[in-house]
Amino acid sequence: MKVKITVFVIIILIVSSITLLYAKKSDDRHRDYVPDEETATKIAEVIWVRIYGQTIYNEKPFIVHLNDNGVWTVSGNLPSGDEGVGGVAHIEIQKYDCEILKVYHTR
């Protein structure tokens, strides 16, 4: 009888642990570490300044868009009068975990 109760308790603990582990993983998938345009822009600025320097601020105002897959795209903007000259910085940031998917600068 004691063996049956012990086995039952162990099975309950294992099932509970697996359920909690799965719940934690799915909960992480639904967090929004980059919840809004302002946060996405600040992250982009920090990364761009490290790569391209302070000149990145010449590309303001930045263009920010959230796609249907939960990825923020932040892009620089050509200064007025410079159409067709130079390029702008781009970055893609995953909303739920802040993973940087792409960083590049056009020419």
Protein backbone atom coordinates (compact mmCIF):
# COMPACT_ATOMS: atom_id res chain seq x y z
CA MET A 1 0.00 0.00 0.00
CA LYS A 2 2.82 2.42 0.89
CA VAL A 3 4.51 1.65 -2.43
CA LYS A 4 1.34 2.46 -4.37
CA ILE A 5 0.93 5.79 -2.56
CA THR A 6 4.60 6.67 -3.09
CA VAL A 7 4.38 5.85 -6.81
CA PHE A 8 1.16 7.86 -7.08
CA VAL A 9 2.77 10.89 -5.38
CA ILE A 10 5.83 10.66 -7.65
CA ILE A 11 3.63 10.52 -10.75
CA ILE A 12 1.66 13.55 -9.53
CA LEU A 13 4.90 15.47 -8.93
CA ILE A 14 6.26 14.59 -12.38
CA VAL A 15 3.04 15.58 -14.14
CA SER A 16 2.85 18.81 -12.15
CA SER A 17 6.46 19.66 -12.98
CA ILE A 18 5.94 19.07 -16.69
CA THR A 19 2.76 21.14 -16.66
CA LEU A 20 4.47 24.04 -14.87
CA LEU A 21 7.45 23.88 -17.22
CA TYR A 22 5.20 23.97 -20.28
CA ALA A 23 3.12 26.81 -18.82
CA LYS A 24 6.28 28.85 -18.18
CA LYS A 25 7.50 28.38 -21.77
CA SER A 26 4.16 29.37 -23.28
CA ASP A 27 3.89 32.35 -20.96
CA ASP A 28 7.32 33.60 -22.12
CA ARG A 29 6.13 33.39 -25.73
CA HIS A 30 3.35 35.88 -24.99
CA ARG A 31 5.39 38.51 -23.19
CA ASP A 32 6.02 41.76 -24.94
CA TYR A 33 9.52 42.89 -24.12
CA VAL A 34 9.19 45.48 -26.89
CA PRO A 35 5.59 46.62 -26.36
CA ASP A 36 5.50 49.86 -28.34
CA GLU A 37 7.08 52.10 -30.98
CA GLU A 38 9.01 54.12 -28.42
CA THR A 39 10.75 51.05 -27.00
CA ALA A 40 11.55 49.70 -30.47
CA THR A 41 13.02 53.07 -31.46
CA LYS A 42 15.20 53.31 -28.34
CA ILE A 43 16.57 49.81 -28.92
CA ALA A 44 17.27 50.67 -32.57
CA GLU A 45 19.09 53.87 -31.61
CA VAL A 46 21.34 52.11 -29.10
CA ILE A 47 22.36 49.47 -31.62
CA TRP A 48 22.74 51.86 -34.54
CA VAL A 49 24.90 54.32 -32.58
CA ARG A 50 27.27 51.45 -31.65
CA ILE A 51 27.52 50.42 -35.32
CA TYR A 52 27.15 53.65 -37.33
CA GLY A 53 27.89 56.39 -34.79
CA GLN A 54 26.02 59.59 -33.92
CA THR A 55 25.33 60.37 -37.59
CA ILE A 56 22.37 58.04 -37.30
CA TYR A 57 20.43 60.93 -35.79
CA ASN A 58 20.58 62.66 -39.19
CA GLU A 59 18.05 60.02 -40.31
CA LYS A 60 15.30 61.22 -37.95
CA PRO A 61 12.35 61.00 -37.79
CA PHE A 62 12.58 57.21 -37.72
CA ILE A 63 9.84 55.14 -39.32
CA VAL A 64 8.46 52.36 -37.08
CA HIS A 65 6.13 49.55 -38.08
CA LEU A 66 4.87 46.37 -36.36
CA ASN A 67 4.05 43.55 -38.79
CA ASP A 68 1.52 40.74 -38.34
CA ASN A 69 4.25 38.35 -37.14
CA GLY A 70 5.11 40.54 -34.14
CA VAL A 71 8.30 42.02 -35.60
CA TRP A 72 9.09 45.72 -35.26
CA THR A 73 10.85 47.31 -38.23
CA VAL A 74 12.57 50.60 -37.51
CA SER A 75 14.09 52.51 -40.43
CA GLY A 76 15.91 55.75 -40.85
CA ASN A 77 14.58 58.53 -43.00
CA LEU A 78 16.46 60.45 -45.69
CA PRO A 79 16.72 64.15 -44.91
CA SER A 80 14.47 66.24 -47.15
CA GLY A 81 16.17 67.30 -50.35
CA ASP A 82 18.38 64.19 -50.35
CA GLU A 83 15.99 61.91 -52.23
CA GLY A 84 17.97 59.32 -54.17
CA VAL A 85 21.23 60.10 -52.34
CA GLY A 86 22.61 57.81 -49.65
CA GLY A 87 20.75 55.21 -47.64
CA VAL A 88 19.17 54.59 -44.27
CA ALA A 89 19.56 52.21 -41.35
CA HIS A 90 17.11 49.36 -40.79
CA ILE A 91 16.57 46.99 -37.90
CA GLU A 92 14.07 44.21 -37.20
CA ILE A 93 13.27 43.44 -33.55
CA GLN A 94 11.04 40.62 -32.37
CA LYS A 95 8.34 42.00 -30.07
CA TYR A 96 7.90 39.13 -27.63
CA ASP A 97 11.57 38.51 -26.75
CA CYS A 98 13.54 41.50 -28.11
CA GLU A 99 15.59 39.31 -30.45
CA ILE A 100 17.38 41.35 -33.10
CA LEU A 101 16.60 39.64 -36.40
CA LYS A 102 18.35 41.98 -38.87
CA VAL A 103 20.47 45.11 -38.85
CA TYR A 104 21.65 46.73 -42.06
CA HIS A 105 22.16 50.07 -43.80
CA THR A 106 21.22 50.73 -47.41
CA ARG A 107 23.39 52.77 -49.74
